[in-house]
Protein backbone atom coordinates (compact mmCIF):
# COMPACT_ATOMS: atom_id res chain seq x y z
CA UNK A 1 10.30 9.29 -43.10
CA UNK A 2 11.80 7.23 -40.41
CA UNK A 3 9.46 4.44 -38.88
CA UNK A 4 9.53 3.00 -35.01
CA UNK A 5 13.33 2.68 -35.11
CA UNK A 6 13.59 6.56 -35.72
CA UNK A 7 11.36 7.09 -33.02
CA UNK A 8 12.77 5.18 -30.56
CA UNK A 9 15.99 6.73 -31.65
CA UNK A 10 14.73 9.88 -30.92
CA UNK A 11 13.22 9.30 -27.98
CA UNK A 12 16.12 7.29 -26.50
CA UNK A 13 18.00 11.08 -27.27
CA UNK A 14 15.93 12.84 -24.98
CA UNK A 15 14.28 10.70 -22.58
CA UNK A 16 17.02 9.74 -20.43
CA UNK A 17 17.97 12.79 -19.75
CA UNK A 18 14.12 14.14 -18.43
CA UNK A 19 13.45 11.18 -16.74
CA UNK A 20 17.19 10.14 -15.17
CA UNK A 21 16.44 13.74 -13.25
CA UNK A 22 13.28 13.12 -11.28
CA UNK A 23 13.77 9.49 -10.97
CA UNK A 24 17.35 10.20 -9.60
CA UNK A 25 16.31 12.79 -7.56
CA UNK A 26 13.03 11.37 -5.91
CA UNK A 27 15.18 8.00 -5.21
CA UNK A 28 18.71 7.75 -5.52
CA UNK A 29 19.48 11.65 -3.87
CA UNK A 30 17.62 10.90 -0.90
CA UNK A 31 19.43 7.51 -0.15
CA UNK A 32 22.30 8.41 -0.87
CA UNK A 33 21.92 11.20 1.31
CA UNK A 34 20.92 9.13 4.35
CA UNK A 35 23.49 6.45 4.09
CA UNK A 36 26.11 9.11 4.17
CA UNK A 37 24.47 10.64 7.20
CA UNK A 38 25.60 7.10 8.75
CA UNK A 39 28.97 7.69 9.18
CA UNK A 40 28.95 11.65 10.05
CA UNK A 41 29.91 12.20 13.30
CA UNK A 42 27.15 14.22 14.00
CA UNK A 43 24.89 12.50 11.49
CA UNK A 44 24.68 16.25 9.68
CA UNK A 45 26.03 15.93 5.77
CA UNK A 46 27.94 18.94 5.95
CA UNK A 47 29.86 18.82 9.67
CA UNK A 48 33.31 17.86 9.30
CA UNK A 49 34.86 14.04 9.66
CA UNK A 50 33.59 10.77 9.29
CA UNK A 51 33.09 7.81 11.73
CA UNK A 52 32.02 4.09 11.76
CA UNK A 53 31.38 4.34 15.25
CA UNK A 54 26.98 4.85 14.73
CA UNK A 55 27.48 1.60 12.20
CA UNK A 56 29.03 -0.56 15.41
CA UNK A 57 27.12 1.07 18.05
CA UNK A 58 23.96 0.25 16.22
CA UNK A 59 24.64 -3.34 14.77
CA UNK A 60 26.81 -4.68 17.48
CA UNK A 61 24.16 -4.27 20.50
CA UNK A 62 21.54 -6.41 21.64
CA UNK A 63 18.62 -4.19 20.91
CA UNK A 64 18.40 -3.91 16.95
CA UNK A 65 18.83 -7.50 16.83
CA UNK A 66 15.89 -7.71 19.47
CA UNK A 67 13.73 -4.89 17.41
CA UNK A 68 14.50 -7.01 13.84
CA UNK A 69 13.35 -10.39 15.84
CA UNK A 70 9.95 -8.36 16.74
CA UNK A 71 9.28 -6.95 13.56
CA UNK A 72 10.47 -10.81 11.80
CA UNK A 73 7.61 -12.00 14.07
CA UNK A 74 5.13 -9.38 13.13
CA UNK A 75 5.83 -9.70 9.24
CA UNK A 76 5.58 -13.00 9.20
CA UNK A 77 2.37 -13.59 11.19
CA UNK A 78 0.51 -10.93 9.52
CA UNK A 79 2.36 -12.00 5.83
CA UNK A 80 1.54 -15.72 6.01
CA UNK A 81 -2.26 -15.07 7.63
CA UNK A 82 -3.18 -12.21 5.25
CA UNK A 83 -1.54 -14.60 2.24
CA UNK A 84 -3.54 -17.49 3.52
CA UNK A 85 -6.71 -15.40 3.54
CA UNK A 86 -6.47 -13.49 0.32
CA UNK A 87 -5.65 -16.47 -1.54
CA UNK A 88 -8.24 -18.49 -0.40
CA UNK A 89 -10.60 -15.89 -1.31
CA UNK A 90 -8.62 -15.53 -4.85
CA UNK A 91 -9.47 -19.21 -5.75
CA UNK A 92 -13.56 -19.08 -4.18
CA UNK A 93 -14.15 -16.05 -6.15
CA UNK A 94 -11.98 -16.86 -9.60
CA UNK A 95 -12.37 -20.92 -9.44
CA UNK A 96 -15.34 -22.16 -7.70
CA UNK A 97 -19.06 -22.33 -7.69
CA UNK A 98 -18.94 -20.42 -4.93
CA UNK A 99 -22.84 -18.29 -4.74
CA UNK A 100 -22.67 -14.32 -5.44
CA UNK A 101 -18.66 -14.26 -7.00
CA UNK A 102 -19.22 -10.91 -8.70
CA UNK A 103 -20.48 -9.19 -5.71
CA UNK A 104 -17.71 -10.60 -3.91
CA UNK A 105 -15.18 -9.31 -6.33
CA UNK A 106 -16.31 -6.32 -6.34
CA UNK A 107 -16.66 -5.99 -2.29
CA UNK A 108 -12.93 -6.94 -1.80
CA UNK A 109 -12.65 -3.78 -2.70
CA UNK A 110 -13.75 -1.79 0.17
CA UNK A 111 -11.19 -2.66 2.57
CA UNK A 112 -9.13 -0.26 0.62
CA UNK A 113 -11.55 2.64 2.31
CA UNK A 114 -10.46 1.49 5.79
CA UNK A 115 -7.30 3.20 6.24
CA UNK A 116 -4.93 0.94 8.57
CA UNK A 117 -4.56 3.14 11.47
CA UNK A 118 -8.41 3.91 11.32
CA UNK A 119 -8.65 -0.50 11.13
CA UNK A 120 -6.61 -0.82 14.30
CA UNK A 121 -8.49 2.15 16.27
CA UNK A 122 -11.68 0.32 15.75
CA UNK A 123 -10.44 -2.58 16.47
CA UNK A 124 -9.00 -1.12 20.06
CA UNK A 125 -12.38 0.09 20.36
CA UNK A 126 -13.56 -3.85 19.70
CA UNK A 127 -11.29 -5.51 21.90
CA UNK A 128 -9.38 -3.20 24.13
CA UNK A 129 -9.17 -5.05 27.79
CA UNK A 130 -10.39 -2.12 29.61
CA UNK A 131 -12.91 -0.45 27.61
CA UNK A 132 -13.45 -2.88 24.51
CA UNK A 133 -17.32 -3.58 23.68
CA UNK A 134 -16.69 -6.83 22.74
CA UNK A 135 -14.90 -7.62 25.63
CA UNK A 136 -17.53 -6.07 28.21
CA UNK A 137 -20.31 -8.01 25.53
CA UNK A 138 -18.43 -11.47 26.53
CA UNK A 139 -17.72 -10.61 30.49
CA UNK A 140 -21.78 -9.92 30.61
CA UNK A 141 -22.93 -12.51 28.76
CA UNK A 142 -20.72 -15.43 29.78
CA UNK A 143 -20.07 -13.68 33.66
CA UNK A 144 -16.26 -13.98 32.79
CA UNK A 145 -14.31 -11.84 35.27
CA UNK A 146 -11.30 -11.50 32.75
CA UNK A 147 -11.41 -9.48 29.40
CA UNK A 148 -10.64 -12.61 26.44
CA UNK A 149 -9.55 -10.54 24.01
CA UNK A 150 -6.45 -7.95 24.12
CA UNK A 151 -5.63 -6.22 21.12
CA UNK A 152 -2.58 -4.73 23.15
CA UNK A 153 -0.49 -7.99 21.88
CA UNK A 154 1.84 -8.76 19.26
CA UNK A 155 -1.12 -11.08 18.14
CA UNK A 156 -3.99 -8.41 18.25
CA UNK A 157 -1.48 -6.46 15.89
CA UNK A 158 -0.62 -9.31 13.63
CA UNK A 159 -4.61 -10.08 13.36
CA UNK A 160 -4.72 -6.41 12.43
CA UNK A 161 -2.44 -6.16 10.24
CA UNK A 162 -3.12 -9.37 8.52
CA UNK A 163 -6.99 -7.84 7.84
CA UNK A 164 -5.26 -4.78 6.16
CA UNK A 165 -3.35 -6.65 3.87
CA UNK A 166 -5.40 -9.50 2.55
CA UNK A 167 -7.21 -7.32 0.19
CA UNK A 168 -3.84 -6.57 -1.28
CA UNK A 169 -3.25 -10.23 -1.30
CA UNK A 170 -6.15 -11.25 -2.70
CA UNK A 171 -5.90 -8.55 -5.86
CA UNK A 172 -2.19 -9.85 -6.76
CA UNK A 173 -3.32 -13.32 -6.90
CA UNK A 174 -6.81 -13.05 -8.42
CA UNK A 175 -5.34 -12.56 -11.74
CA UNK A 176 -3.15 -15.32 -11.82
CA UNK A 177 -6.07 -17.68 -10.94
CA UNK A 178 -8.14 -16.63 -13.27
CA UNK A 179 -5.70 -16.60 -16.28
CA UNK A 180 -4.71 -20.07 -15.51
CA UNK A 181 -4.90 -21.90 -19.22
CA UNK A 182 -8.35 -24.45 -18.73
CA UNK A 183 -6.97 -26.87 -20.99
CA UNK A 184 -4.48 -28.19 -18.18
CA UNK A 185 -7.08 -29.12 -16.04
CA UNK A 186 -9.28 -30.28 -18.49
CA UNK A 187 -6.79 -32.49 -19.22
CA UNK A 188 -6.15 -33.61 -16.27
CA UNK A 189 -9.86 -34.50 -15.96
CA UNK A 190 -10.08 -36.42 -18.74
CA UNK A 191 -6.71 -38.80 -17.67
CA UNK A 192 -9.05 -39.80 -14.47
CA UNK A 193 -7.54 -37.18 -12.02
CA UNK A 194 -10.12 -36.00 -9.24
CA UNK A 195 -10.79 -32.80 -8.86
CA UNK A 196 -8.32 -32.43 -5.62
CA UNK A 197 -5.92 -33.83 -7.22
CA UNK A 198 -6.19 -30.92 -10.09
CA UNK A 199 -6.06 -28.41 -7.44
CA UNK A 200 -2.94 -29.68 -5.59
CA UNK A 201 -1.10 -31.12 -8.68
CA UNK A 202 -2.01 -28.54 -11.20
CA UNK A 203 -3.48 -25.32 -9.70
CA UNK A 204 -1.02 -24.90 -6.89
CA UNK A 205 2.09 -25.74 -9.00
CA UNK A 206 1.07 -22.98 -11.72
CA UNK A 207 0.58 -20.78 -9.24
CA UNK A 208 3.66 -21.30 -7.30
CA UNK A 209 5.34 -18.43 -8.79
CA UNK A 210 2.66 -15.99 -8.03
CA UNK A 211 2.55 -17.12 -4.36
CA UNK A 212 5.41 -16.78 -3.25
CA UNK A 213 5.48 -13.35 -4.81
CA UNK A 214 2.99 -12.25 -3.25
CA UNK A 215 4.30 -13.81 -0.59
CA UNK A 216 7.26 -11.82 -0.79
CA UNK A 217 5.19 -8.52 -1.34
CA UNK A 218 3.78 -8.91 1.65
CA UNK A 219 6.52 -9.06 3.79
CA UNK A 220 8.44 -6.24 2.17
CA UNK A 221 5.46 -3.91 3.08
CA UNK A 222 4.76 -5.08 6.98
CA UNK A 223 8.27 -4.69 7.63
CA UNK A 224 8.41 -1.16 7.31
CA UNK A 225 4.84 -0.49 7.83
CA UNK A 226 4.18 2.00 10.61
CA UNK A 227 0.33 2.51 10.87
CA UNK A 228 -0.64 -0.64 12.97
CA UNK A 229 2.69 -0.66 14.97
CA UNK A 230 2.08 2.90 15.88
CA UNK A 231 -1.57 2.94 16.60
CA UNK A 232 -1.55 -0.41 18.75
CA UNK A 233 2.05 -1.22 18.92
CA UNK A 234 3.66 2.54 20.78
CA UNK A 235 0.86 2.30 23.74
CA UNK A 236 1.27 -1.60 24.33
CA UNK A 237 5.28 -1.17 24.73
CA UNK A 238 5.85 -3.39 21.05
CA UNK A 239 8.69 -1.40 19.29
CA UNK A 240 9.52 -2.62 15.40
CA UNK A 241 12.04 -1.05 13.71
CA UNK A 242 9.65 1.35 12.11
CA UNK A 243 8.70 2.65 15.61
CA UNK A 244 12.11 2.56 16.82
CA UNK A 245 12.77 4.96 13.41
CA UNK A 246 10.01 7.49 14.48
CA UNK A 247 11.10 7.54 17.79
CA UNK A 248 15.08 8.88 17.18
CA UNK A 249 13.26 11.28 15.09
CA UNK A 250 10.62 12.84 17.71
CA UNK A 251 12.08 11.63 20.84
CA UNK A 252 15.76 11.32 21.01
CA UNK A 253 17.46 12.67 24.43
CA UNK A 254 19.00 15.66 22.35
CA UNK A 255 16.25 17.17 21.19
CA UNK A 256 17.16 16.61 17.74
CA UNK A 257 16.99 13.66 15.31
CA UNK A 258 19.39 11.32 15.38
CA UNK A 259 19.84 11.29 12.17
CA UNK A 260 24.09 8.81 12.45
CA UNK A 261 21.74 5.83 13.81
CA UNK A 262 18.81 6.45 11.65
CA UNK A 263 21.13 6.47 8.52
CA UNK A 264 22.83 3.21 10.30
CA UNK A 265 19.59 1.48 10.94
CA UNK A 266 18.15 2.49 7.56
CA UNK A 267 21.49 0.68 5.60
CA UNK A 268 20.81 -2.61 7.34
CA UNK A 269 17.13 -2.26 6.59
CA UNK A 270 17.70 -1.09 2.61
CA UNK A 271 20.25 -3.76 2.13
CA UNK A 272 17.27 -6.12 3.33
CA UNK A 273 14.13 -4.72 1.40
CA UNK A 274 16.53 -4.28 -1.55
CA UNK A 275 16.81 -8.32 -2.01
CA UNK A 276 13.35 -9.20 -0.78
CA UNK A 277 12.16 -6.66 -3.77
CA UNK A 278 14.56 -8.18 -6.39
CA UNK A 279 13.27 -11.47 -5.61
CA UNK A 280 9.62 -10.61 -5.40
CA UNK A 281 10.17 -8.68 -9.11
CA UNK A 282 11.61 -12.05 -10.38
CA UNK A 283 9.08 -14.03 -9.00
CA UNK A 284 6.22 -11.96 -10.54
CA UNK A 285 8.29 -12.33 -13.81
CA UNK A 286 8.40 -15.84 -13.84
CA UNK A 287 4.62 -16.02 -12.93
CA UNK A 288 3.89 -15.01 -16.32
CA UNK A 289 5.66 -18.00 -17.80
CA UNK A 290 3.53 -20.33 -16.65
CA UNK A 291 0.12 -18.82 -18.49
CA UNK A 292 -0.40 -19.83 -21.65
CA UNK A 293 -2.55 -16.96 -23.44
CA UNK A 294 -4.62 -17.88 -26.76
CA UNK A 295 -6.86 -16.51 -29.24
CA UNK A 296 -10.21 -18.13 -28.01
CA UNK A 297 -11.01 -17.43 -24.16
CA UNK A 298 -10.97 -20.61 -22.44
CA UNK A 299 -13.10 -20.79 -19.14
CA UNK A 300 -12.19 -23.98 -16.98
CA UNK A 301 -15.49 -25.81 -15.02
CA UNK A 302 -15.73 -24.19 -11.24
CA UNK A 303 -14.52 -26.70 -8.70
CA UNK A 304 -17.55 -27.89 -7.04
CA UNK A 305 -18.01 -26.85 -3.29
CA UNK A 306 -20.98 -28.87 -2.68
CA UNK A 307 -22.57 -28.38 0.55
CA UNK A 308 -20.39 -25.89 1.41
CA UNK A 309 -21.00 -23.35 -1.10
CA UNK A 310 -23.33 -21.16 1.36
CA UNK A 311 -21.29 -21.74 3.85
CA UNK A 312 -18.06 -20.73 2.32
CA UNK A 313 -20.30 -17.73 1.02
CA UNK A 314 -20.97 -16.31 4.42
CA UNK A 315 -17.42 -16.97 5.31
CA UNK A 316 -16.47 -14.39 2.83
CA UNK A 317 -18.96 -11.78 3.70
CA UNK A 318 -18.18 -12.23 7.13
CA UNK A 319 -14.80 -11.12 6.45
CA UNK A 320 -15.61 -8.20 5.09
CA UNK A 321 -17.61 -7.67 8.01
CA UNK A 322 -14.82 -7.95 10.51
CA UNK A 323 -12.31 -6.00 7.89
CA UNK A 324 -15.05 -3.21 7.28
CA UNK A 325 -18.16 -3.21 9.37
CA UNK A 326 -17.33 -3.92 12.75
CA UNK A 327 -14.35 -1.19 13.03
CA UNK A 328 -16.33 1.35 11.12
CA UNK A 329 -19.65 0.31 13.47
CA UNK A 330 -17.17 1.10 16.60
CA UNK A 331 -16.14 4.12 15.13
CA UNK A 332 -19.98 5.49 14.19
CA UNK A 333 -20.70 4.42 18.10
CA UNK A 334 -18.29 6.17 19.73
CA UNK A 335 -18.83 9.24 17.78
CA UNK A 336 -22.60 9.21 18.41
CA UNK A 337 -21.10 9.68 22.08
CA UNK A 338 -19.61 12.46 24.67
CA UNK A 339 -17.17 10.05 25.95
CA UNK A 340 -15.89 6.39 25.22
CA UNK A 341 -18.46 4.02 27.12
CA UNK A 342 -19.27 0.58 26.86
CA UNK A 343 -21.31 -0.74 24.62
CA UNK A 344 -24.82 -0.92 26.68
CA UNK A 345 -28.14 0.21 27.12
CA UNK A 346 -27.50 3.74 28.90
CA UNK A 347 -25.18 4.54 26.80
CA UNK A 348 -28.00 5.12 23.76
CA UNK A 349 -29.14 7.91 26.12
CA UNK A 350 -26.08 10.07 25.76
CA UNK A 351 -26.25 9.74 22.09
CA UNK A 352 -25.08 13.08 21.00
CA UNK A 353 -24.57 14.67 17.32
CA UNK A 354 -21.91 16.80 18.92
CA UNK A 355 -18.55 15.35 17.75
CA UNK A 356 -20.12 15.70 14.30
CA UNK A 357 -20.68 19.61 14.01
CA UNK A 358 -17.18 20.16 15.41
CA UNK A 359 -15.88 18.12 12.32
CA UNK A 360 -18.04 20.55 10.22
CA UNK A 361 -16.55 23.47 12.12
CA UNK A 362 -13.21 22.88 13.40
CA UNK A 363 -10.97 25.54 11.30
CA UNK A 364 -7.65 23.07 11.55
CA UNK A 365 -9.58 20.06 10.16
CA UNK A 366 -11.13 21.98 6.77
CA UNK A 367 -7.02 22.91 6.62
CA UNK A 368 -6.29 19.45 6.97
CA UNK A 369 -8.89 18.26 4.53
CA UNK A 370 -7.58 20.85 2.08
CA UNK A 371 -3.73 19.92 2.26
CA UNK A 372 -4.76 16.39 2.20
CA UNK A 373 -6.75 16.78 -1.27
CA UNK A 374 -4.07 18.65 -2.90
CA UNK A 375 -1.24 16.00 -1.81
CA UNK A 376 -3.28 13.46 -3.37
CA UNK A 377 -3.99 15.31 -6.65
CA UNK A 378 -0.59 16.50 -7.11
CA UNK A 379 0.73 13.34 -6.43
CA UNK A 380 -1.19 10.85 -8.26
CA UNK A 381 -1.34 12.99 -11.47
CA UNK A 382 2.42 13.40 -11.19
CA UNK A 383 3.49 9.61 -10.22
CA UNK A 384 1.35 8.51 -13.26
CA UNK A 385 2.81 10.55 -15.99
CA UNK A 386 5.82 9.58 -14.47
CA UNK A 387 5.19 5.98 -14.61
CA UNK A 388 3.84 5.86 -17.81
CA UNK A 389 7.05 8.12 -19.64
CA UNK A 390 9.40 6.07 -17.72
CA UNK A 391 7.73 2.35 -18.68
CA UNK A 392 7.30 3.88 -22.53
CA UNK A 393 11.36 4.49 -22.45
CA UNK A 394 11.73 0.88 -20.81
CA UNK A 395 9.39 -1.02 -22.40
CA UNK A 396 8.87 -0.07 -25.76
CA UNK A 397 11.93 2.65 -26.97
CA UNK A 398 14.51 0.24 -24.87
CA UNK A 399 16.11 4.00 -24.04
CA UNK A 400 19.80 3.31 -23.22
CA UNK A 401 20.13 2.94 -19.48
CA UNK A 402 16.46 1.83 -19.52
CA UNK A 403 17.40 -0.80 -16.97
CA UNK A 404 18.64 1.30 -14.84
CA UNK A 405 15.33 3.91 -15.17
CA UNK A 406 13.08 0.48 -14.01
CA UNK A 407 15.31 -0.31 -11.09
CA UNK A 408 15.05 3.35 -9.75
CA UNK A 409 11.61 3.22 -10.86
CA UNK A 410 11.24 -0.06 -8.70
CA UNK A 411 13.31 0.46 -5.86
CA UNK A 412 11.02 2.44 -3.32
CA UNK A 413 9.09 -0.55 -2.68
CA UNK A 414 12.27 -1.60 -1.02
CA UNK A 415 12.07 1.41 1.84
CA UNK A 416 9.15 2.46 4.39
CA UNK A 417 7.61 5.66 4.46
CA UNK A 418 8.99 6.52 7.35
CA UNK A 419 12.54 5.98 6.02
CA UNK A 420 11.72 8.06 2.86
CA UNK A 421 10.27 10.75 5.31
CA UNK A 422 13.49 10.78 7.11
CA UNK A 423 15.65 10.87 4.04
CA UNK A 424 13.76 14.24 2.72
CA UNK A 425 13.80 16.03 5.61
CA UNK A 426 17.69 15.48 5.19
CA UNK A 427 17.61 16.92 1.77
CA UNK A 428 15.45 19.94 2.11
CA UNK A 429 17.24 20.40 5.44
CA UNK A 430 20.50 20.31 4.05
CA UNK A 431 20.71 20.63 -0.14
CA UNK A 432 18.02 23.19 0.15
CA UNK A 433 16.74 23.29 -3.69
CA UNK A 434 13.90 24.34 -3.20
CA UNK A 435 11.85 25.93 0.02
CA UNK A 436 9.57 22.80 0.23
CA UNK A 437 10.75 21.81 4.00
CA UNK A 438 7.62 22.01 6.51
CA UNK A 439 5.05 22.94 3.58
CA UNK A 440 2.55 20.04 1.91
CA UNK A 441 4.97 19.73 -1.22
CA UNK A 442 7.43 17.92 0.80
CA UNK A 443 4.77 15.22 1.36
CA UNK A 444 3.79 15.30 -2.15
CA UNK A 445 7.27 14.50 -3.07
CA UNK A 446 7.55 11.60 -0.29
CA UNK A 447 3.74 10.13 -1.96
CA UNK A 448 5.56 10.40 -5.07
CA UNK A 449 8.42 8.24 -4.19
CA UNK A 450 6.35 5.95 -2.46
CA UNK A 451 3.75 5.05 -4.81
CA UNK A 452 6.02 5.11 -7.90
CA UNK A 453 6.71 1.21 -8.07
CA UNK A 454 3.07 0.13 -7.78
CA UNK A 455 2.42 3.30 -10.64
CA UNK A 456 5.32 1.93 -12.60
CA UNK A 457 4.22 -1.90 -12.53
CA UNK A 458 0.82 -1.29 -13.72
CA UNK A 459 1.98 1.06 -16.70
CA UNK A 460 4.73 -1.80 -17.79
CA UNK A 461 2.42 -4.28 -18.41
CA UNK A 462 -0.25 -1.58 -20.05
CA UNK A 463 2.65 -0.21 -22.80
CA UNK A 464 3.54 -4.28 -23.05
CA UNK A 465 0.23 -5.28 -24.16
CA UNK A 466 0.64 -2.13 -26.69
CA UNK A 467 1.32 -3.16 -30.64
CA UNK A 468 4.13 -0.68 -31.62
CA UNK A 469 2.66 -1.15 -35.41
CA UNK A 470 0.16 1.52 -33.93
CA UNK A 471 3.14 4.35 -33.35
CA UNK A 472 4.69 3.77 -35.96
CA UNK A 473 1.64 4.04 -38.18
CA UNK A 474 1.03 7.46 -36.61
CA UNK A 475 4.90 8.41 -37.29
CA UNK A 476 4.53 7.07 -41.11
CA UNK A 477 1.60 10.06 -40.78
CA UNK A 478 3.38 12.62 -39.75
CA UNK A 479 2.61 12.84 -35.93
CA UNK A 480 5.94 14.15 -33.44
CA UNK A 481 6.50 11.95 -30.56
CA UNK A 482 4.41 14.08 -28.43
CA UNK A 483 1.67 13.90 -29.96
CA UNK A 484 1.98 9.79 -30.65
CA UNK A 485 2.38 9.80 -27.15
CA UNK A 486 -0.98 11.73 -26.47
CA UNK A 487 -3.19 10.47 -29.18
CA UNK A 488 -1.91 7.23 -29.15
CA UNK A 489 -0.22 5.80 -26.38
CA UNK A 490 -2.20 7.65 -23.87
CA UNK A 491 -5.25 6.81 -24.65
CA UNK A 492 -4.38 3.07 -24.91
CA UNK A 493 -3.20 3.13 -21.33
CA UNK A 494 -5.86 4.88 -20.36
CA UNK A 495 -7.76 2.18 -18.03
CA UNK A 496 -4.29 1.26 -16.45
CA UNK A 497 -3.62 5.16 -15.72
CA UNK A 498 -7.16 5.80 -14.61
CA UNK A 499 -6.45 2.62 -12.11
CA UNK A 500 -2.95 3.93 -11.07
CA UNK A 501 -4.63 7.63 -10.28
CA UNK A 502 -7.43 6.35 -8.50
CA UNK A 503 -5.10 3.95 -6.24
CA UNK A 504 -2.61 6.66 -5.34
CA UNK A 505 -5.37 9.13 -4.96
CA UNK A 506 -7.03 6.91 -2.06
CA UNK A 507 -3.67 5.59 -0.92
CA UNK A 508 -2.37 9.35 -0.37
CA UNK A 509 -5.64 10.71 0.98
CA UNK A 510 -5.04 7.66 4.17
CA UNK A 511 -1.15 7.39 3.92
CA UNK A 512 0.15 8.40 7.94
CA UNK A 513 3.97 7.46 8.12
CA UNK A 514 5.76 9.89 5.59
CA UNK A 515 2.85 12.27 6.74
CA UNK A 516 3.28 12.12 10.60
CA UNK A 517 6.91 11.94 9.99
CA UNK A 518 7.46 15.42 7.64
CA UNK A 519 4.24 16.99 9.41
CA UNK A 520 4.85 20.48 10.69
CA UNK A 521 2.88 23.50 11.86
CA UNK A 522 1.33 24.48 8.28
CA UNK A 523 1.08 21.09 6.52
CA UNK A 524 -1.17 18.92 8.87
CA UNK A 525 -3.43 16.04 7.12
CA UNK A 526 -6.30 14.58 7.83
CA UNK A 527 -4.36 11.41 8.86
CA UNK A 528 -1.92 13.22 11.02
CA UNK A 529 -4.55 15.16 12.70
CA UNK A 530 -6.84 12.01 13.92
CA UNK A 531 -3.62 10.65 14.93
CA UNK A 532 -2.74 13.71 17.42
CA UNK A 533 -6.57 13.55 18.28
CA UNK A 534 -6.09 9.87 19.29
CA UNK A 535 -2.60 10.22 21.20
CA UNK A 536 -3.86 13.14 23.00
CA UNK A 537 -7.32 11.13 24.27
CA UNK A 538 -9.68 12.51 22.02
CA UNK A 539 -11.42 9.10 20.81
CA UNK A 540 -14.88 10.72 19.85
CA UNK A 541 -13.72 13.13 18.17
CA UNK A 542 -11.29 10.62 16.22
CA UNK A 543 -14.06 8.96 15.35
CA UNK A 544 -16.60 11.47 14.03
CA UNK A 545 -13.63 12.53 11.69
CA UNK A 546 -12.65 8.69 10.98
CA UNK A 547 -16.43 7.59 9.97
CA UNK A 548 -16.50 10.89 7.13
CA UNK A 549 -13.27 9.56 5.77
CA UNK A 550 -14.14 6.38 5.53
CA UNK A 551 -17.64 7.02 3.61
CA UNK A 552 -15.71 9.38 1.65
CA UNK A 553 -13.02 6.60 0.58
CA UNK A 554 -15.85 4.18 0.28
CA UNK A 555 -17.37 7.07 -2.20
CA UNK A 556 -13.64 6.97 -4.31
CA UNK A 557 -13.72 3.81 -5.03
CA UNK A 558 -17.25 3.71 -6.12
CA UNK A 559 -16.51 6.43 -8.32
CA UNK A 560 -12.76 4.97 -9.60
CA UNK A 561 -14.60 1.61 -9.98
CA UNK A 562 -17.00 3.23 -12.75
CA UNK A 563 -14.49 5.38 -14.50
CA UNK A 564 -12.31 2.30 -14.50
CA UNK A 565 -14.98 0.61 -16.54
CA UNK A 566 -15.62 3.50 -18.79
CA UNK A 567 -12.03 3.96 -19.65
CA UNK A 568 -12.25 0.30 -20.59
CA UNK A 569 -15.00 0.34 -22.29
CA UNK A 570 -13.67 3.39 -24.31
CA UNK A 571 -10.75 2.03 -24.82
CA UNK A 572 -12.69 -1.33 -26.56
CA UNK A 573 -15.21 0.84 -28.41
CA UNK A 574 -11.97 3.26 -29.86
């Protein structure tokens, strides 16, 4: 009976054909069609002729370079702030004696419950020059004749995006800080080095690949994000590449999407982002070379913070208050008013639950909730299964074309949700293999594509930790490949699969950019409906729905943490 080599051969025979099809369809086909559209005179795939006019018109004008410069300022500013904040918080909770570190680790997941566009709306309610609660309070308390804060600015956009990105930076760097070999620090201390020298000459150099990889990841994300630039930048007249693509799709002079210029812009964006993504992938691989894993756990002595312990602990909780509590309170306050009002004693008399009652009775909203739930469940389940199978083929079976499969699974990180959605419109309007345009399924496909990069990285790491002898033993006992996957690989990967499923489910519920591009009359989701409420001048209705959305996401994250702990415990006991 063949052993693991025979298992690999059988898997190698079937997996490429089975996995290349969805990977190529999800990733390669939309991108290829979008690029071809850049060279069509009308921008439509099957129209006759080819031209380079769109590429020339886009890239030889000053407008695109101004948008690129604005986008780079936004990406650099938000990434630097998020990297510093996330890295500092990771160092505090993993390498110092800050009080309450365990509670802080759990609480750092809470900002995921605040969708970026709701975070932006919350801060607009707090720091808008005209109606912001913070501005009104500062002007009343200090007798100012002007509003000291202006969220409708590049600085305001960078601030909000940095708050949204900091939890991601923390979650990436915290494990790297945690896994630093304690022997390196102990040796330096025994040689007479001070704690500060250990930090600057041991910890930071060892962390350099992880820090650099995280920085590239943050830049990639902030270059393509739509939520904050769309919510704050569009009203402020600050255009970035992502919002410009949105305008070309929805507000073109001809009334039809300008697919030609969109394809030309996409070519430049994709080239840049693919390079950054590949550099990120390389940096994260290099990070593993600096970690020593031994059979015996070794925990370094915590860096003593001295008299600053309590002050820094309060700083962490203040960050969480600024990221979650302050905008949520602003939303809750506005949701209880008949119209948006300043924070003062007179507004207490106007309190009403009418907005929340409307939330519970609005049939359009109930339909949007159902759409969001179906999209999130299907997208998270499909993506988790596809990622696990792809990781097994790449890491374990070494199937033919494994490297290409891994690249295809990682590639969506380089594409903004707005561009992926644009490409999907093109695919399902021109090729028409399935009648999904204008339905919830096209949004489901977009979410599966967007989140495949994250899912495949997590499952790759999980499969790499499994010893192949477990699968060989199952095969020697007569188990088929499918049975081995269900009885051995999937149970061992259960904690990673649960983490992937919960992460994608929560992010799918809150995703705005792709859903906004792909929305039609019959596939609206909660985020797109909220964005419509907000842009149509209904802040109190937006706030009421937003409060309930955050409450649901907080509950989901808490449940997800519990399920993940259960899965890890079950795996340890089995």
